[in-house]
Amino acid sequence: EIYTLSLHDALPIYQPSEVVKTFGEYLTDSLKKSNRLQKRSEALNAALAAGEINDISEVVIASQKADIALHLTMQVKNKAVAAYQELMRMQV
């Protein structure tokens, strides 16, 4: 008996086990997380100034996390702008 094999039968069907995020979604999520870290740092700084917090290390750690997130966000923005400028310089 002869079997015919089509291209559809030979190729596996890709079905991701989880939803794949786009670059825009990763970027949006990162910006939201960076914003949350900044707001938490501001709230802890205000609570420290009001005398509501005794452990200053929690405030310092939150402030450093917000600072690192801001610097990372700025570096990503700078790389995206540089890539865009490079594309604009390309001749078609």
PDB file of N, CA and C in Angstrom:
ATOM      1  N   GLU A   1       0.856  -1.172   0.000  1.00  0.00           N
ATOM      2  CA  GLU A   1       0.000   0.000   0.000  1.00  0.00           C
ATOM      3  C   GLU A   1       0.906   1.240   0.000  1.00  0.00           C
ATOM      4  N   ILE A   2       0.597   2.225  -0.814  1.00  0.00           N
ATOM      5  CA  ILE A   2       1.382   3.451  -0.928  1.00  0.00           C
ATOM      6  C   ILE A   2       0.660   4.568  -0.194  1.00  0.00           C
ATOM      7  N   TYR A   3       1.435   5.258   0.649  1.00  0.00           N
ATOM      8  CA  TYR A   3       0.883   6.392   1.385  1.00  0.00           C
ATOM      9  C   TYR A   3       1.394   7.680   0.748  1.00  0.00           C
ATOM     10  N   THR A   4       0.538   8.646   0.653  1.00  0.00           N
ATOM     11  CA  THR A   4       0.972   9.959   0.177  1.00  0.00           C
ATOM     12  C   THR A   4       1.155  10.856   1.399  1.00  0.00           C
ATOM     13  N   LEU A   5       2.187  11.623   1.341  1.00  0.00           N
ATOM     14  CA  LEU A   5       2.524  12.505   2.455  1.00  0.00           C
ATOM     15  C   LEU A   5       2.505  13.937   1.957  1.00  0.00           C
ATOM     16  N   SER A   6       1.721  14.748   2.573  1.00  0.00           N
ATOM     17  CA  SER A   6       1.667  16.155   2.174  1.00  0.00           C
ATOM     18  C   SER A   6       2.607  16.959   3.067  1.00  0.00           C
ATOM     19  N   LEU A   7       2.884  18.178   2.656  1.00  0.00           N
ATOM     20  CA  LEU A   7       3.742  19.068   3.425  1.00  0.00           C
ATOM     21  C   LEU A   7       3.127  19.352   4.787  1.00  0.00           C
ATOM     22  N   HIS A   8       1.823  19.454   4.831  1.00  0.00           N
ATOM     23  CA  HIS A   8       1.129  19.728   6.090  1.00  0.00           C
ATOM     24  C   HIS A   8       1.344  18.592   7.086  1.00  0.00           C
ATOM     25  N   ASP A   9       1.407  17.354   6.623  1.00  0.00           N
ATOM     26  CA  ASP A   9       1.622  16.203   7.496  1.00  0.00           C
ATOM     27  C   ASP A   9       3.060  16.147   8.015  1.00  0.00           C
ATOM     28  N   ALA A  10       4.001  16.647   7.232  1.00  0.00           N
ATOM     29  CA  ALA A  10       5.409  16.550   7.591  1.00  0.00           C
ATOM     30  C   ALA A  10       5.833  17.609   8.603  1.00  0.00           C
ATOM     31  N   LEU A  11       5.174  18.757   8.598  1.00  0.00           N
ATOM     32  CA  LEU A  11       5.565  19.839   9.482  1.00  0.00           C
ATOM     33  C   LEU A  11       4.801  19.772  10.799  1.00  0.00           C
ATOM     34  N   PRO A  12       5.508  19.910  11.908  1.00  0.00           N
ATOM     35  CA  PRO A  12       4.798  19.914  13.185  1.00  0.00           C
ATOM     36  C   PRO A  12       4.000  21.205  13.338  1.00  0.00           C
ATOM     37  N   ILE A  13       2.899  21.095  13.997  1.00  0.00           N
ATOM     38  CA  ILE A  13       2.064  22.275  14.246  1.00  0.00           C
ATOM     39  C   ILE A  13       2.544  22.925  15.535  1.00  0.00           C
ATOM     40  N   TYR A  14       2.901  24.204  15.440  1.00  0.00           N
ATOM     41  CA  TYR A  14       3.412  24.934  16.598  1.00  0.00           C
ATOM     42  C   TYR A  14       2.247  25.456  17.415  1.00  0.00           C
ATOM     43  N   GLN A  15       2.165  24.975  18.634  1.00  0.00           N
ATOM     44  CA  GLN A  15       1.149  25.458  19.559  1.00  0.00           C
ATOM     45  C   GLN A  15       1.852  25.800  20.860  1.00  0.00           C
ATOM     46  N   PRO A  16       2.071  27.090  21.101  1.00  0.00           N
ATOM     47  CA  PRO A  16       2.794  27.467  22.314  1.00  0.00           C
ATOM     48  C   PRO A  16       2.007  27.088  23.561  1.00  0.00           C
ATOM     49  N   SER A  17       2.752  26.661  24.576  1.00  0.00           N
ATOM     50  CA  SER A  17       2.106  26.266  25.824  1.00  0.00           C
ATOM     51  C   SER A  17       1.707  27.486  26.657  1.00  0.00           C
ATOM     52  N   GLU A  18       2.286  28.614  26.331  1.00  0.00           N
ATOM     53  CA  GLU A  18       1.930  29.838  27.032  1.00  0.00           C
ATOM     54  C   GLU A  18       1.845  30.990  26.041  1.00  0.00           C
ATOM     55  N   VAL A  19       1.220  32.050  26.442  1.00  0.00           N
ATOM     56  CA  VAL A  19       1.062  33.202  25.572  1.00  0.00           C
ATOM     57  C   VAL A  19       2.412  33.909  25.452  1.00  0.00           C
ATOM     58  N   VAL A  20       2.803  34.207  24.223  1.00  0.00           N
ATOM     59  CA  VAL A  20       4.073  34.873  23.967  1.00  0.00           C
ATOM     60  C   VAL A  20       3.830  36.374  23.946  1.00  0.00           C
ATOM     61  N   LYS A  21       4.609  37.107  24.763  1.00  0.00           N
ATOM     62  CA  LYS A  21       4.462  38.560  24.820  1.00  0.00           C
ATOM     63  C   LYS A  21       5.208  39.212  23.671  1.00  0.00           C
ATOM     64  N   THR A  22       4.672  40.311  23.209  1.00  0.00           N
ATOM     65  CA  THR A  22       5.356  41.095  22.185  1.00  0.00           C
ATOM     66  C   THR A  22       6.359  42.023  22.861  1.00  0.00           C
ATOM     67  N   PHE A  23       7.232  42.616  22.060  1.00  0.00           N
ATOM     68  CA  PHE A  23       8.209  43.557  22.605  1.00  0.00           C
ATOM     69  C   PHE A  23       7.502  44.727  23.275  1.00  0.00           C
ATOM     70  N   GLY A  24       6.441  45.209  22.660  1.00  0.00           N
ATOM     71  CA  GLY A  24       5.687  46.321  23.231  1.00  0.00           C
ATOM     72  C   GLY A  24       5.097  45.983  24.590  1.00  0.00           C
ATOM     73  N   GLU A  25       4.624  44.746  24.736  1.00  0.00           N
ATOM     74  CA  GLU A  25       4.068  44.332  26.025  1.00  0.00           C
ATOM     75  C   GLU A  25       5.157  44.232  27.092  1.00  0.00           C
ATOM     76  N   TYR A  26       6.330  43.705  26.704  1.00  0.00           N
ATOM     77  CA  TYR A  26       7.449  43.670  27.644  1.00  0.00           C
ATOM     78  C   TYR A  26       7.841  45.084  28.063  1.00  0.00           C
ATOM     79  N   LEU A  27       7.890  45.975  27.108  1.00  0.00           N
ATOM     80  CA  LEU A  27       8.268  47.352  27.390  1.00  0.00           C
ATOM     81  C   LEU A  27       7.248  48.022  28.305  1.00  0.00           C
ATOM     82  N   THR A  28       5.968  47.836  28.022  1.00  0.00           N
ATOM     83  CA  THR A  28       4.907  48.416  28.851  1.00  0.00           C
ATOM     84  C   THR A  28       4.963  47.858  30.272  1.00  0.00           C
ATOM     85  N   ASP A  29       5.137  46.542  30.393  1.00  0.00           N
ATOM     86  CA  ASP A  29       5.222  45.934  31.723  1.00  0.00           C
ATOM     87  C   ASP A  29       6.422  46.462  32.500  1.00  0.00           C
ATOM     88  N   SER A  30       7.543  46.620  31.823  1.00  0.00           N
ATOM     89  CA  SER A  30       8.750  47.135  32.478  1.00  0.00           C
ATOM     90  C   SER A  30       8.568  48.569  32.946  1.00  0.00           C
ATOM     91  N   LEU A  31       7.932  49.385  32.121  1.00  0.00           N
ATOM     92  CA  LEU A  31       7.685  50.775  32.513  1.00  0.00           C
ATOM     93  C   LEU A  31       6.742  50.848  33.702  1.00  0.00           C
ATOM     94  N   LYS A  32       5.727  49.997  33.713  1.00  0.00           N
ATOM     95  CA  LYS A  32       4.797  49.976  34.845  1.00  0.00           C
ATOM     96  C   LYS A  32       5.504  49.539  36.123  1.00  0.00           C
ATOM     97  N   LYS A  33       6.362  48.535  36.024  1.00  0.00           N
ATOM     98  CA  LYS A  33       7.092  48.065  37.196  1.00  0.00           C
ATOM     99  C   LYS A  33       8.044  49.139  37.706  1.00  0.00           C
ATOM    100  N   SER A  34       8.724  49.815  36.792  1.00  0.00           N
ATOM    101  CA  SER A  34       9.622  50.899  37.172  1.00  0.00           C
ATOM    102  C   SER A  34       8.850  52.016  37.875  1.00  0.00           C
ATOM    103  N   ASN A  35       7.669  52.330  37.379  1.00  0.00           N
ATOM    104  CA  ASN A  35       6.831  53.358  37.985  1.00  0.00           C
ATOM    105  C   ASN A  35       6.385  52.933  39.391  1.00  0.00           C
ATOM    106  N   ARG A  36       6.010  51.665  39.548  1.00  0.00           N
ATOM    107  CA  ARG A  36       5.603  51.159  40.871  1.00  0.00           C
ATOM    108  C   ARG A  36       6.752  51.257  41.870  1.00  0.00           C
ATOM    109  N   LEU A  37       7.962  50.906  41.420  1.00  0.00           N
ATOM    110  CA  LEU A  37       9.127  50.993  42.298  1.00  0.00           C
ATOM    111  C   LEU A  37       9.397  52.434  42.716  1.00  0.00           C
ATOM    112  N   GLN A  38       9.241  53.358  41.783  1.00  0.00           N
ATOM    113  CA  GLN A  38       9.453  54.773  42.088  1.00  0.00           C
ATOM    114  C   GLN A  38       8.423  55.277  43.099  1.00  0.00           C
ATOM    115  N   LYS A  39       7.160  54.901  42.901  1.00  0.00           N
ATOM    116  CA  LYS A  39       6.104  55.340  43.820  1.00  0.00           C
ATOM    117  C   LYS A  39       6.286  54.737  45.205  1.00  0.00           C
ATOM    118  N   ARG A  40       6.720  53.472  45.267  1.00  0.00           N
ATOM    119  CA  ARG A  40       6.961  52.845  46.566  1.00  0.00           C
ATOM    120  C   ARG A  40       8.092  53.555  47.287  1.00  0.00           C
ATOM    121  N   SER A  41       9.136  53.896  46.553  1.00  0.00           N
ATOM    122  CA  SER A  41      10.264  54.611  47.144  1.00  0.00           C
ATOM    123  C   SER A  41       9.827  55.966  47.687  1.00  0.00           C
ATOM    124  N   GLU A  42       9.018  56.680  46.918  1.00  0.00           N
ATOM    125  CA  GLU A  42       8.520  57.983  47.376  1.00  0.00           C
ATOM    126  C   GLU A  42       7.662  57.844  48.628  1.00  0.00           C
ATOM    127  N   ALA A  43       6.805  56.808  48.665  1.00  0.00           N
ATOM    128  CA  ALA A  43       5.945  56.599  49.824  1.00  0.00           C
ATOM    129  C   ALA A  43       6.767  56.262  51.070  1.00  0.00           C
ATOM    130  N   LEU A  44       7.790  55.434  50.901  1.00  0.00           N
ATOM    131  CA  LEU A  44       8.639  55.084  52.041  1.00  0.00           C
ATOM    132  C   LEU A  44       9.456  56.282  52.516  1.00  0.00           C
ATOM    133  N   ASN A  45       9.925  57.094  51.589  1.00  0.00           N
ATOM    134  CA  ASN A  45      10.649  58.310  51.974  1.00  0.00           C
ATOM    135  C   ASN A  45       9.753  59.266  52.755  1.00  0.00           C
ATOM    136  N   ALA A  46       8.505  59.394  52.323  1.00  0.00           N
ATOM    137  CA  ALA A  46       7.558  60.261  53.039  1.00  0.00           C
ATOM    138  C   ALA A  46       7.263  59.694  54.425  1.00  0.00           C
ATOM    139  N   ALA A  47       7.116  58.371  54.521  1.00  0.00           N
ATOM    140  CA  ALA A  47       6.852  57.745  55.816  1.00  0.00           C
ATOM    141  C   ALA A  47       8.051  57.898  56.740  1.00  0.00           C
ATOM    142  N   LEU A  48       9.260  57.811  56.197  1.00  0.00           N
ATOM    143  CA  LEU A  48      10.464  58.012  57.007  1.00  0.00           C
ATOM    144  C   LEU A  48      10.538  59.446  57.509  1.00  0.00           C
ATOM    145  N   ALA A  49      10.240  60.396  56.651  1.00  0.00           N
ATOM    146  CA  ALA A  49      10.270  61.809  57.048  1.00  0.00           C
ATOM    147  C   ALA A  49       9.219  62.106  58.118  1.00  0.00           C
ATOM    148  N   ALA A  50       8.108  61.378  58.077  1.00  0.00           N
ATOM    149  CA  ALA A  50       7.040  61.586  59.062  1.00  0.00           C
ATOM    150  C   ALA A  50       7.316  60.823  60.360  1.00  0.00           C
ATOM    151  N   GLY A  51       8.395  60.037  60.387  1.00  0.00           N
ATOM    152  CA  GLY A  51       8.733  59.295  61.597  1.00  0.00           C
ATOM    153  C   GLY A  51       7.968  58.000  61.756  1.00  0.00           C
ATOM    154  N   GLU A  52       7.369  57.519  60.694  1.00  0.00           N
ATOM    155  CA  GLU A  52       6.574  56.295  60.763  1.00  0.00           C
ATOM    156  C   GLU A  52       7.411  55.037  60.556  1.00  0.00           C
ATOM    157  N   ILE A  53       8.637  55.184  60.079  1.00  0.00           N
ATOM    158  CA  ILE A  53       9.501  54.038  59.814  1.00  0.00           C
ATOM    159  C   ILE A  53      10.751  54.157  60.676  1.00  0.00           C
ATOM    160  N   ASN A  54      11.072  53.059  61.361  1.00  0.00           N
ATOM    161  CA  ASN A  54      12.268  53.045  62.207  1.00  0.00           C
ATOM    162  C   ASN A  54      13.467  52.439  61.497  1.00  0.00           C
ATOM    163  N   ASP A  55      13.215  51.514  60.556  1.00  0.00           N
ATOM    164  CA  ASP A  55      14.289  50.820  59.846  1.00  0.00           C
ATOM    165  C   ASP A  55      14.595  51.545  58.540  1.00  0.00           C
ATOM    166  N   ILE A  56      15.679  52.290  58.532  1.00  0.00           N
ATOM    167  CA  ILE A  56      16.029  53.084  57.350  1.00  0.00           C
ATOM    168  C   ILE A  56      16.515  52.198  56.195  1.00  0.00           C
ATOM    169  N   SER A  57      16.972  50.989  56.496  1.00  0.00           N
ATOM    170  CA  SER A  57      17.488  50.121  55.426  1.00  0.00           C
ATOM    171  C   SER A  57      16.401  49.780  54.404  1.00  0.00           C
ATOM    172  N   GLU A  58      15.158  49.621  54.840  1.00  0.00           N
ATOM    173  CA  GLU A  58      14.058  49.344  53.918  1.00  0.00           C
ATOM    174  C   GLU A  58      13.871  50.497  52.937  1.00  0.00           C
ATOM    175  N   VAL A  59      14.007  51.703  53.444  1.00  0.00           N
ATOM    176  CA  VAL A  59      13.857  52.892  52.601  1.00  0.00           C
ATOM    177  C   VAL A  59      15.008  52.994  51.607  1.00  0.00           C
ATOM    178  N   VAL A  60      16.214  52.724  52.076  1.00  0.00           N
ATOM    179  CA  VAL A  60      17.389  52.809  51.208  1.00  0.00           C
ATOM    180  C   VAL A  60      17.309  51.752  50.103  1.00  0.00           C
ATOM    181  N   ILE A  61      16.907  50.545  50.463  1.00  0.00           N
ATOM    182  CA  ILE A  61      16.800  49.475  49.468  1.00  0.00           C
ATOM    183  C   ILE A  61      15.747  49.819  48.420  1.00  0.00           C
ATOM    184  N   ALA A  62      14.600  50.315  48.846  1.00  0.00           N
ATOM    185  CA  ALA A  62      13.545  50.697  47.903  1.00  0.00           C
ATOM    186  C   ALA A  62      14.021  51.823  46.996  1.00  0.00           C
ATOM    187  N   SER A  63      14.760  52.769  47.562  1.00  0.00           N
ATOM    188  CA  SER A  63      15.286  53.885  46.780  1.00  0.00           C
ATOM    189  C   SER A  63      16.294  53.399  45.744  1.00  0.00           C
ATOM    190  N   GLN A  64      17.159  52.466  46.124  1.00  0.00           N
ATOM    191  CA  GLN A  64      18.151  51.926  45.197  1.00  0.00           C
ATOM    192  C   GLN A  64      17.492  51.110  44.082  1.00  0.00           C
ATOM    193  N   LYS A  65      16.461  50.338  44.421  1.00  0.00           N
ATOM    194  CA  LYS A  65      15.735  49.573  43.397  1.00  0.00           C
ATOM    195  C   LYS A  65      15.099  50.520  42.377  1.00  0.00           C
ATOM    196  N   ALA A  66      14.498  51.599  42.871  1.00  0.00           N
ATOM    197  CA  ALA A  66      13.872  52.573  41.972  1.00  0.00           C
ATOM    198  C   ALA A  66      14.922  53.252  41.097  1.00  0.00           C
ATOM    199  N   ASP A  67      16.076  53.556  41.677  1.00  0.00           N
ATOM    200  CA  ASP A  67      17.149  54.202  40.933  1.00  0.00           C
ATOM    201  C   ASP A  67      17.694  53.291  39.835  1.00  0.00           C
ATOM    202  N   ILE A  68      17.904  52.016  40.162  1.00  0.00           N
ATOM    203  CA  ILE A  68      18.404  51.059  39.172  1.00  0.00           C
ATOM    204  C   ILE A  68      17.384  50.870  38.056  1.00  0.00           C
ATOM    205  N   ALA A  69      16.109  50.768  38.417  1.00  0.00           N
ATOM    206  CA  ALA A  69      15.056  50.601  37.403  1.00  0.00           C
ATOM    207  C   ALA A  69      15.001  51.817  36.481  1.00  0.00           C
ATOM    208  N   LEU A  70      15.154  53.018  37.044  1.00  0.00           N
ATOM    209  CA  LEU A  70      15.145  54.234  36.234  1.00  0.00           C
ATOM    210  C   LEU A  70      16.335  54.264  35.279  1.00  0.00           C
ATOM    211  N   HIS A  71      17.513  53.904  35.770  1.00  0.00           N
ATOM    212  CA  HIS A  71      18.698  53.889  34.909  1.00  0.00           C
ATOM    213  C   HIS A  71      18.559  52.851  33.795  1.00  0.00           C
ATOM    214  N   LEU A  72      18.018  51.690  34.121  1.00  0.00           N
ATOM    215  CA  LEU A  72      17.808  50.667  33.099  1.00  0.00           C
ATOM    216  C   LEU A  72      16.808  51.149  32.050  1.00  0.00           C
ATOM    217  N   THR A  73      15.738  51.787  32.501  1.00  0.00           N
ATOM    218  CA  THR A  73      14.731  52.320  31.581  1.00  0.00           C
ATOM    219  C   THR A  73      15.349  53.364  30.651  1.00  0.00           C
ATOM    220  N   MET A  74      16.179  54.217  31.196  1.00  0.00           N
ATOM    221  CA  MET A  74      16.834  55.237  30.373  1.00  0.00           C
ATOM    222  C   MET A  74      17.784  54.601  29.352  1.00  0.00           C
ATOM    223  N   GLN A  75      18.493  53.551  29.743  1.00  0.00           N
ATOM    224  CA  GLN A  75      19.405  52.885  28.809  1.00  0.00           C
ATOM    225  C   GLN A  75      18.640  52.206  27.676  1.00  0.00           C
ATOM    226  N   VAL A  76      17.512  51.589  28.005  1.00  0.00           N
ATOM    227  CA  VAL A  76      16.683  50.967  26.967  1.00  0.00           C
ATOM    228  C   VAL A  76      16.163  52.032  26.009  1.00  0.00           C
ATOM    229  N   LYS A  77      15.722  53.160  26.568  1.00  0.00           N
ATOM    230  CA  LYS A  77      15.239  54.256  25.726  1.00  0.00           C
ATOM    231  C   LYS A  77      16.345  54.773  24.820  1.00  0.00           C
ATOM    232  N   ASN A  78      17.536  54.943  25.373  1.00  0.00           N
ATOM    233  CA  ASN A  78      18.664  55.429  24.574  1.00  0.00           C
ATOM    234  C   ASN A  78      19.015  54.466  23.448  1.00  0.00           C
ATOM    235  N   LYS A  79      18.978  53.158  23.727  1.00  0.00           N
ATOM    236  CA  LYS A  79      19.269  52.166  22.690  1.00  0.00           C
ATOM    237  C   LYS A  79      18.186  52.168  21.610  1.00  0.00           C
ATOM    238  N   ALA A  80      16.932  52.320  22.017  1.00  0.00           N
ATOM    239  CA  ALA A  80      15.835  52.352  21.045  1.00  0.00           C
ATOM    240  C   ALA A  80      15.950  53.583  20.147  1.00  0.00           C
ATOM    241  N   VAL A  81      16.282  54.725  20.727  1.00  0.00           N
ATOM    242  CA  VAL A  81      16.451  55.956  19.940  1.00  0.00           C
ATOM    243  C   VAL A  81      17.641  55.818  18.990  1.00  0.00           C
ATOM    244  N   ALA A  82      18.732  55.234  19.474  1.00  0.00           N
ATOM    245  CA  ALA A  82      19.910  55.046  18.619  1.00  0.00           C
ATOM    246  C   ALA A  82      19.589  54.105  17.456  1.00  0.00           C
ATOM    247  N   ALA A  83      18.833  53.040  17.724  1.00  0.00           N
ATOM    248  CA  ALA A  83      18.451  52.108  16.656  1.00  0.00           C
ATOM    249  C   ALA A  83      17.552  52.800  15.638  1.00  0.00           C
ATOM    250  N   TYR A  84      16.612  53.612  16.111  1.00  0.00           N
ATOM    251  CA  TYR A  84      15.737  54.358  15.209  1.00  0.00           C
ATOM    252  C   TYR A  84      16.537  55.321  14.345  1.00  0.00           C
ATOM    253  N   GLN A  85      17.467  56.035  14.960  1.00  0.00           N
ATOM    254  CA  GLN A  85      18.296  56.980  14.204  1.00  0.00           C
ATOM    255  C   GLN A  85      19.149  56.256  13.159  1.00  0.00           C
ATOM    256  N   GLU A  86      19.636  55.072  13.514  1.00  0.00           N
ATOM    257  CA  GLU A  86      20.413  54.295  12.556  1.00  0.00           C
ATOM    258  C   GLU A  86      19.554  53.861  11.376  1.00  0.00           C
ATOM    259  N   LEU A  87      18.323  53.473  11.649  1.00  0.00           N
ATOM    260  CA  LEU A  87      17.407  53.104  10.558  1.00  0.00           C
ATOM    261  C   LEU A  87      17.111  54.294   9.662  1.00  0.00           C
ATOM    262  N   MET A  88      16.982  55.468  10.246  1.00  0.00           N
ATOM    263  CA  MET A  88      16.685  56.662   9.457  1.00  0.00           C
ATOM    264  C   MET A  88      17.870  57.070   8.583  1.00  0.00           C
ATOM    265  N   ARG A  89      19.077  56.703   9.000  1.00  0.00           N
ATOM    266  CA  ARG A  89      20.268  57.039   8.198  1.00  0.00           C
ATOM    267  C   ARG A  89      20.469  56.077   7.035  1.00  0.00           C
ATOM    268  N   MET A  90      19.823  54.931   7.080  1.00  0.00           N
ATOM    269  CA  MET A  90      19.992  53.950   6.007  1.00  0.00           C
ATOM    270  C   MET A  90      19.408  54.464   4.707  1.00  0.00           C
ATOM    271  N   GLN A  91      20.122  54.203   3.621  1.00  0.00           N
ATOM    272  CA  GLN A  91      19.609  54.592   2.314  1.00  0.00           C
ATOM    273  C   GLN A  91      18.855  53.425   1.707  1.00  0.00           C
ATOM    274  N   VAL A  92      17.741  53.741   1.100  1.00  0.00           N
ATOM    275  CA  VAL A  92      16.902  52.683   0.515  1.00  0.00           C
ATOM    276  C   VAL A  92      17.328  52.385  -0.894  1.00  0.00           C
TER     277      VAL A  92
END
